Amino acid sequence: MARNNEDLRRKARSDYVFRRFTQATIAAAYGLSEATVGRWKKAAKDDGDDWDKARTAHVIAGEGVEAVVSTVVEDFMIQTQAIMDEIRDGEHTTQEKVAMLVSVSDAMTKMAASAKRFAPKVSELGVAQDVMTKLLDFVRQEFPHHAAAVLEIIEPFGERLSEMYTT
């Protein structure tokens, strides 16, 4: 049984590093819990085998830095879309929604700044998101009664910007 378990760990690592599977995908593929895959990954890291570093090294060696930046941006945009869905569909006040959008815009700006040297389009998206953040701050401070209208416009426009700058 231990041998079978070790084989599964090796396969899970291989899928994570070389095929860029998520922990959830690996868990589903092998009938494991996501927590088990997470424990294996953490134990490997504690033993000096960082799956994330190995994955990044493999991508850089095989596809270049642009692919790494693209993957990071793609993952970030998936998370951003989930937050945008929560803003749109969740039960939040307008003020909470504006605060969430400001937070997402700030995170986007920081992510874009860190990737700036590697991918010029990502830098452009960061500037666009920074302008959106500044607009939201301005409306919140100077015209709070218009916050709902700006929110209605900014949400779909933010999605359009993301599509324009990440495709």
C-alpha atoms as a PDB file:
ATOM      1  CA  MET A   1       0.000   0.000   0.000  1.00  0.00           C
ATOM      2  CA  ALA A   2       2.847   2.409   0.848  1.00  0.00           C
ATOM      3  CA  ARG A   3       4.399   1.796  -2.587  1.00  0.00           C
ATOM      4  CA  ASN A   4       1.102   2.649  -4.292  1.00  0.00           C
ATOM      5  CA  ASN A   5       0.867   5.810  -2.187  1.00  0.00           C
ATOM      6  CA  GLU A   6       4.411   6.839  -3.219  1.00  0.00           C
ATOM      7  CA  ASP A   7       3.558   6.243  -6.882  1.00  0.00           C
ATOM      8  CA  LEU A   8       0.509   8.472  -6.534  1.00  0.00           C
ATOM      9  CA  ARG A   9       2.629  11.205  -4.954  1.00  0.00           C
ATOM     10  CA  ARG A  10       5.079  11.049  -7.859  1.00  0.00           C
ATOM     11  CA  LYS A  11       2.253  11.181 -10.389  1.00  0.00           C
ATOM     12  CA  ALA A  12       0.623  14.082  -8.537  1.00  0.00           C
ATOM     13  CA  ARG A  13       3.923  16.002  -8.495  1.00  0.00           C
ATOM     14  CA  SER A  14       4.485  15.302 -12.170  1.00  0.00           C
ATOM     15  CA  ASP A  15       0.993  16.490 -13.091  1.00  0.00           C
ATOM     16  CA  TYR A  16       1.424  19.624 -10.967  1.00  0.00           C
ATOM     17  CA  VAL A  17       4.883  20.522 -12.263  1.00  0.00           C
ATOM     18  CA  PHE A  18       4.834  19.417 -15.884  1.00  0.00           C
ATOM     19  CA  ARG A  19       1.162  19.525 -16.839  1.00  0.00           C
ATOM     20  CA  ARG A  20       0.304  22.514 -14.605  1.00  0.00           C
ATOM     21  CA  PHE A  21      -2.711  20.777 -13.106  1.00  0.00           C
ATOM     22  CA  THR A  22      -4.324  22.405 -10.083  1.00  0.00           C
ATOM     23  CA  GLN A  23      -4.430  20.568  -6.787  1.00  0.00           C
ATOM     24  CA  ALA A  24      -8.202  20.159  -7.252  1.00  0.00           C
ATOM     25  CA  THR A  25      -7.725  18.576 -10.690  1.00  0.00           C
ATOM     26  CA  ILE A  26      -5.082  16.197  -9.368  1.00  0.00           C
ATOM     27  CA  ALA A  27      -7.295  15.222  -6.451  1.00  0.00           C
ATOM     28  CA  ALA A  28     -10.216  14.502  -8.769  1.00  0.00           C
ATOM     29  CA  ALA A  29      -8.037  12.570 -11.224  1.00  0.00           C
ATOM     30  CA  TYR A  30      -6.716  10.197  -8.560  1.00  0.00           C
ATOM     31  CA  GLY A  31      -9.716  10.019  -6.249  1.00  0.00           C
ATOM     32  CA  LEU A  32      -7.983  11.930  -3.481  1.00  0.00           C
ATOM     33  CA  SER A  33      -9.014  14.855  -1.351  1.00  0.00           C
ATOM     34  CA  GLU A  34      -7.584  18.248  -2.167  1.00  0.00           C
ATOM     35  CA  ALA A  35      -6.261  18.346   1.400  1.00  0.00           C
ATOM     36  CA  THR A  36      -4.220  15.184   0.754  1.00  0.00           C
ATOM     37  CA  VAL A  37      -2.594  16.685  -2.321  1.00  0.00           C
ATOM     38  CA  GLY A  38      -1.927  19.860  -0.326  1.00  0.00           C
ATOM     39  CA  ARG A  39      -0.278  17.825   2.461  1.00  0.00           C
ATOM     40  CA  TRP A  40       1.905  15.996  -0.056  1.00  0.00           C
ATOM     41  CA  LYS A  41       2.945  19.300  -1.607  1.00  0.00           C
ATOM     42  CA  LYS A  42       3.750  20.814   1.789  1.00  0.00           C
ATOM     43  CA  ALA A  43       5.657  17.719   2.948  1.00  0.00           C
ATOM     44  CA  ALA A  44       7.702  17.763  -0.257  1.00  0.00           C
ATOM     45  CA  LYS A  45       8.509  21.423   0.274  1.00  0.00           C
ATOM     46  CA  ASP A  46       9.564  20.728   3.855  1.00  0.00           C
ATOM     47  CA  ASP A  47      11.900  18.059   2.436  1.00  0.00           C
ATOM     48  CA  GLY A  48      13.402  20.533  -0.053  1.00  0.00           C
ATOM     49  CA  ASP A  49      11.227  19.759  -3.095  1.00  0.00           C
ATOM     50  CA  ASP A  50       9.179  22.893  -3.757  1.00  0.00           C
ATOM     51  CA  TRP A  51       6.639  21.934  -6.396  1.00  0.00           C
ATOM     52  CA  ASP A  52       5.901  25.581  -7.207  1.00  0.00           C
ATOM     53  CA  LYS A  53       9.562  26.395  -7.865  1.00  0.00           C
ATOM     54  CA  ALA A  54       9.933  23.263  -9.964  1.00  0.00           C
ATOM     55  CA  ARG A  55       6.828  24.193 -11.940  1.00  0.00           C
ATOM     56  CA  THR A  56       8.079  27.724 -12.591  1.00  0.00           C
ATOM     57  CA  ALA A  57      11.534  26.474 -13.579  1.00  0.00           C
ATOM     58  CA  HIS A  58       9.964  24.002 -16.000  1.00  0.00           C
ATOM     59  CA  VAL A  59       7.776  26.667 -17.586  1.00  0.00           C
ATOM     60  CA  ILE A  60      10.663  29.128 -17.931  1.00  0.00           C
ATOM     61  CA  ALA A  61      12.923  26.464 -19.394  1.00  0.00           C
ATOM     62  CA  GLY A  62      10.305  25.243 -21.828  1.00  0.00           C
ATOM     63  CA  GLU A  63       8.222  28.260 -22.684  1.00  0.00           C
ATOM     64  CA  GLY A  64       9.974  31.328 -21.336  1.00  0.00           C
ATOM     65  CA  VAL A  65       9.166  34.034 -18.860  1.00  0.00           C
ATOM     66  CA  GLU A  66       6.249  35.311 -20.937  1.00  0.00           C
ATOM     67  CA  ALA A  67       4.424  32.040 -20.307  1.00  0.00           C
ATOM     68  CA  VAL A  68       4.931  32.381 -16.554  1.00  0.00           C
ATOM     69  CA  VAL A  69       3.606  35.945 -16.587  1.00  0.00           C
ATOM     70  CA  SER A  70       0.693  34.854 -18.741  1.00  0.00           C
ATOM     71  CA  THR A  71      -0.162  32.034 -16.334  1.00  0.00           C
ATOM     72  CA  VAL A  72       0.009  34.340 -13.324  1.00  0.00           C
ATOM     73  CA  VAL A  73      -2.204  36.907 -15.045  1.00  0.00           C
ATOM     74  CA  GLU A  74      -4.645  34.210 -16.113  1.00  0.00           C
ATOM     75  CA  ASP A  75      -4.919  32.824 -12.569  1.00  0.00           C
ATOM     76  CA  PHE A  76      -5.301  36.323 -11.171  1.00  0.00           C
ATOM     77  CA  MET A  77      -8.028  37.174 -13.674  1.00  0.00           C
ATOM     78  CA  ILE A  78      -9.953  34.015 -12.778  1.00  0.00           C
ATOM     79  CA  GLN A  79      -9.886  35.074  -9.136  1.00  0.00           C
ATOM     80  CA  THR A  80     -10.812  38.630 -10.086  1.00  0.00           C
ATOM     81  CA  GLN A  81     -13.779  37.352 -12.070  1.00  0.00           C
ATOM     82  CA  ALA A  82     -14.968  35.370  -9.043  1.00  0.00           C
ATOM     83  CA  ILE A  83     -14.796  38.538  -6.953  1.00  0.00           C
ATOM     84  CA  MET A  84     -16.619  40.515  -9.643  1.00  0.00           C
ATOM     85  CA  ASP A  85     -19.345  37.849  -9.663  1.00  0.00           C
ATOM     86  CA  GLU A  86     -19.636  38.162  -5.884  1.00  0.00           C
ATOM     87  CA  ILE A  87     -19.892  41.945  -6.182  1.00  0.00           C
ATOM     88  CA  ARG A  88     -22.615  41.608  -8.802  1.00  0.00           C
ATOM     89  CA  ASP A  89     -24.548  38.708  -7.264  1.00  0.00           C
ATOM     90  CA  GLY A  90     -23.761  38.982  -3.558  1.00  0.00           C
ATOM     91  CA  GLU A  91     -25.813  40.821  -1.019  1.00  0.00           C
ATOM     92  CA  HIS A  92     -23.550  43.801  -0.377  1.00  0.00           C
ATOM     93  CA  THR A  93     -24.302  47.472   0.073  1.00  0.00           C
ATOM     94  CA  THR A  94     -23.200  49.872  -2.636  1.00  0.00           C
ATOM     95  CA  GLN A  95     -20.479  51.136  -0.321  1.00  0.00           C
ATOM     96  CA  GLU A  96     -19.203  47.588   0.265  1.00  0.00           C
ATOM     97  CA  LYS A  97     -19.239  46.917  -3.488  1.00  0.00           C
ATOM     98  CA  VAL A  98     -17.275  50.079  -4.203  1.00  0.00           C
ATOM     99  CA  ALA A  99     -14.761  49.130  -1.490  1.00  0.00           C
ATOM    100  CA  MET A 100     -14.422  45.642  -2.985  1.00  0.00           C
ATOM    101  CA  LEU A 101     -13.858  47.116  -6.450  1.00  0.00           C
ATOM    102  CA  VAL A 102     -11.238  49.490  -5.090  1.00  0.00           C
ATOM    103  CA  SER A 103      -9.502  46.563  -3.413  1.00  0.00           C
ATOM    104  CA  VAL A 104      -9.564  44.483  -6.617  1.00  0.00           C
ATOM    105  CA  SER A 105      -8.261  47.426  -8.613  1.00  0.00           C
ATOM    106  CA  ASP A 106      -5.459  47.959  -6.107  1.00  0.00           C
ATOM    107  CA  ALA A 107      -4.497  44.289  -6.236  1.00  0.00           C
ATOM    108  CA  MET A 108      -4.579  44.398 -10.024  1.00  0.00           C
ATOM    109  CA  THR A 109      -2.327  47.447 -10.074  1.00  0.00           C
ATOM    110  CA  LYS A 110       0.183  45.755  -7.761  1.00  0.00           C
ATOM    111  CA  MET A 111       0.137  42.522  -9.750  1.00  0.00           C
ATOM    112  CA  ALA A 112       0.607  44.420 -12.993  1.00  0.00           C
ATOM    113  CA  ALA A 113       3.492  46.452 -11.581  1.00  0.00           C
ATOM    114  CA  SER A 114       5.324  43.293 -10.544  1.00  0.00           C
ATOM    115  CA  ALA A 115       4.933  41.836 -14.046  1.00  0.00           C
ATOM    116  CA  LYS A 116       5.679  45.108 -15.851  1.00  0.00           C
ATOM    117  CA  ARG A 117       9.201  44.243 -16.955  1.00  0.00           C
ATOM    118  CA  PHE A 118       8.134  40.957 -18.496  1.00  0.00           C
ATOM    119  CA  ALA A 119       4.886  41.761 -20.280  1.00  0.00           C
ATOM    120  CA  PRO A 120       4.114  45.265 -21.567  1.00  0.00           C
ATOM    121  CA  LYS A 121       0.390  44.541 -22.072  1.00  0.00           C
ATOM    122  CA  VAL A 122       0.072  43.656 -18.393  1.00  0.00           C
ATOM    123  CA  SER A 123       1.584  47.033 -17.554  1.00  0.00           C
ATOM    124  CA  GLU A 124      -1.031  48.768 -19.692  1.00  0.00           C
ATOM    125  CA  LEU A 125      -3.785  46.904 -17.847  1.00  0.00           C
ATOM    126  CA  GLY A 126      -2.281  48.040 -14.561  1.00  0.00           C
ATOM    127  CA  VAL A 127      -2.446  51.667 -15.653  1.00  0.00           C
ATOM    128  CA  ALA A 128      -6.061  51.236 -16.756  1.00  0.00           C
ATOM    129  CA  GLN A 129      -6.968  49.630 -13.435  1.00  0.00           C
ATOM    130  CA  ASP A 130      -5.153  52.403 -11.559  1.00  0.00           C
ATOM    131  CA  VAL A 131      -7.255  54.995 -13.361  1.00  0.00           C
ATOM    132  CA  MET A 132     -10.408  53.062 -12.431  1.00  0.00           C
ATOM    133  CA  THR A 133      -9.309  53.001  -8.793  1.00  0.00           C
ATOM    134  CA  LYS A 134      -8.683  56.731  -8.801  1.00  0.00           C
ATOM    135  CA  LEU A 135     -12.079  57.347 -10.421  1.00  0.00           C
ATOM    136  CA  LEU A 136     -13.845  55.223  -7.812  1.00  0.00           C
ATOM    137  CA  ASP A 137     -12.034  57.033  -4.995  1.00  0.00           C
ATOM    138  CA  PHE A 138     -12.923  60.400  -6.512  1.00  0.00           C
ATOM    139  CA  VAL A 139     -16.610  59.525  -6.886  1.00  0.00           C
ATOM    140  CA  ARG A 140     -16.764  58.105  -3.376  1.00  0.00           C
ATOM    141  CA  GLN A 141     -15.269  61.307  -1.919  1.00  0.00           C
ATOM    142  CA  GLU A 142     -16.767  64.005  -4.113  1.00  0.00           C
ATOM    143  CA  PHE A 143     -20.020  62.523  -5.450  1.00  0.00           C
ATOM    144  CA  PRO A 144     -21.116  59.688  -3.126  1.00  0.00           C
ATOM    145  CA  HIS A 145     -24.709  59.955  -4.398  1.00  0.00           C
ATOM    146  CA  HIS A 146     -23.450  58.801  -7.833  1.00  0.00           C
ATOM    147  CA  ALA A 147     -21.618  55.732  -6.500  1.00  0.00           C
ATOM    148  CA  ALA A 148     -24.361  53.317  -7.586  1.00  0.00           C
ATOM    149  CA  ALA A 149     -24.344  54.629 -11.158  1.00  0.00           C
ATOM    150  CA  VAL A 150     -20.555  54.497 -11.390  1.00  0.00           C
ATOM    151  CA  LEU A 151     -20.583  50.982  -9.964  1.00  0.00           C
ATOM    152  CA  GLU A 152     -23.093  49.908 -12.618  1.00  0.00           C
ATOM    153  CA  ILE A 153     -20.766  51.193 -15.349  1.00  0.00           C
ATOM    154  CA  ILE A 154     -17.391  50.221 -13.858  1.00  0.00           C
ATOM    155  CA  GLU A 155     -18.198  46.537 -13.369  1.00  0.00           C
ATOM    156  CA  PRO A 156     -18.736  45.636 -17.046  1.00  0.00           C
ATOM    157  CA  PHE A 157     -16.098  48.109 -18.171  1.00  0.00           C
ATOM    158  CA  GLY A 158     -13.532  46.466 -15.875  1.00  0.00           C
ATOM    159  CA  GLU A 159     -14.340  43.102 -17.426  1.00  0.00           C
ATOM    160  CA  ARG A 160     -13.917  44.572 -20.914  1.00  0.00           C
ATOM    161  CA  LEU A 161     -10.554  46.081 -19.958  1.00  0.00           C
ATOM    162  CA  SER A 162      -9.378  42.740 -18.626  1.00  0.00           C
ATOM    163  CA  GLU A 163     -10.337  41.038 -21.870  1.00  0.00           C
ATOM    164  CA  MET A 164      -8.656  43.706 -23.997  1.00  0.00           C
ATOM    165  CA  TYR A 165      -5.365  43.595 -22.121  1.00  0.00           C
ATOM    166  CA  THR A 166      -5.023  39.877 -21.400  1.00  0.00           C
ATOM    167  CA  THR A 167      -5.892  38.390 -24.787  1.00  0.00           C
END
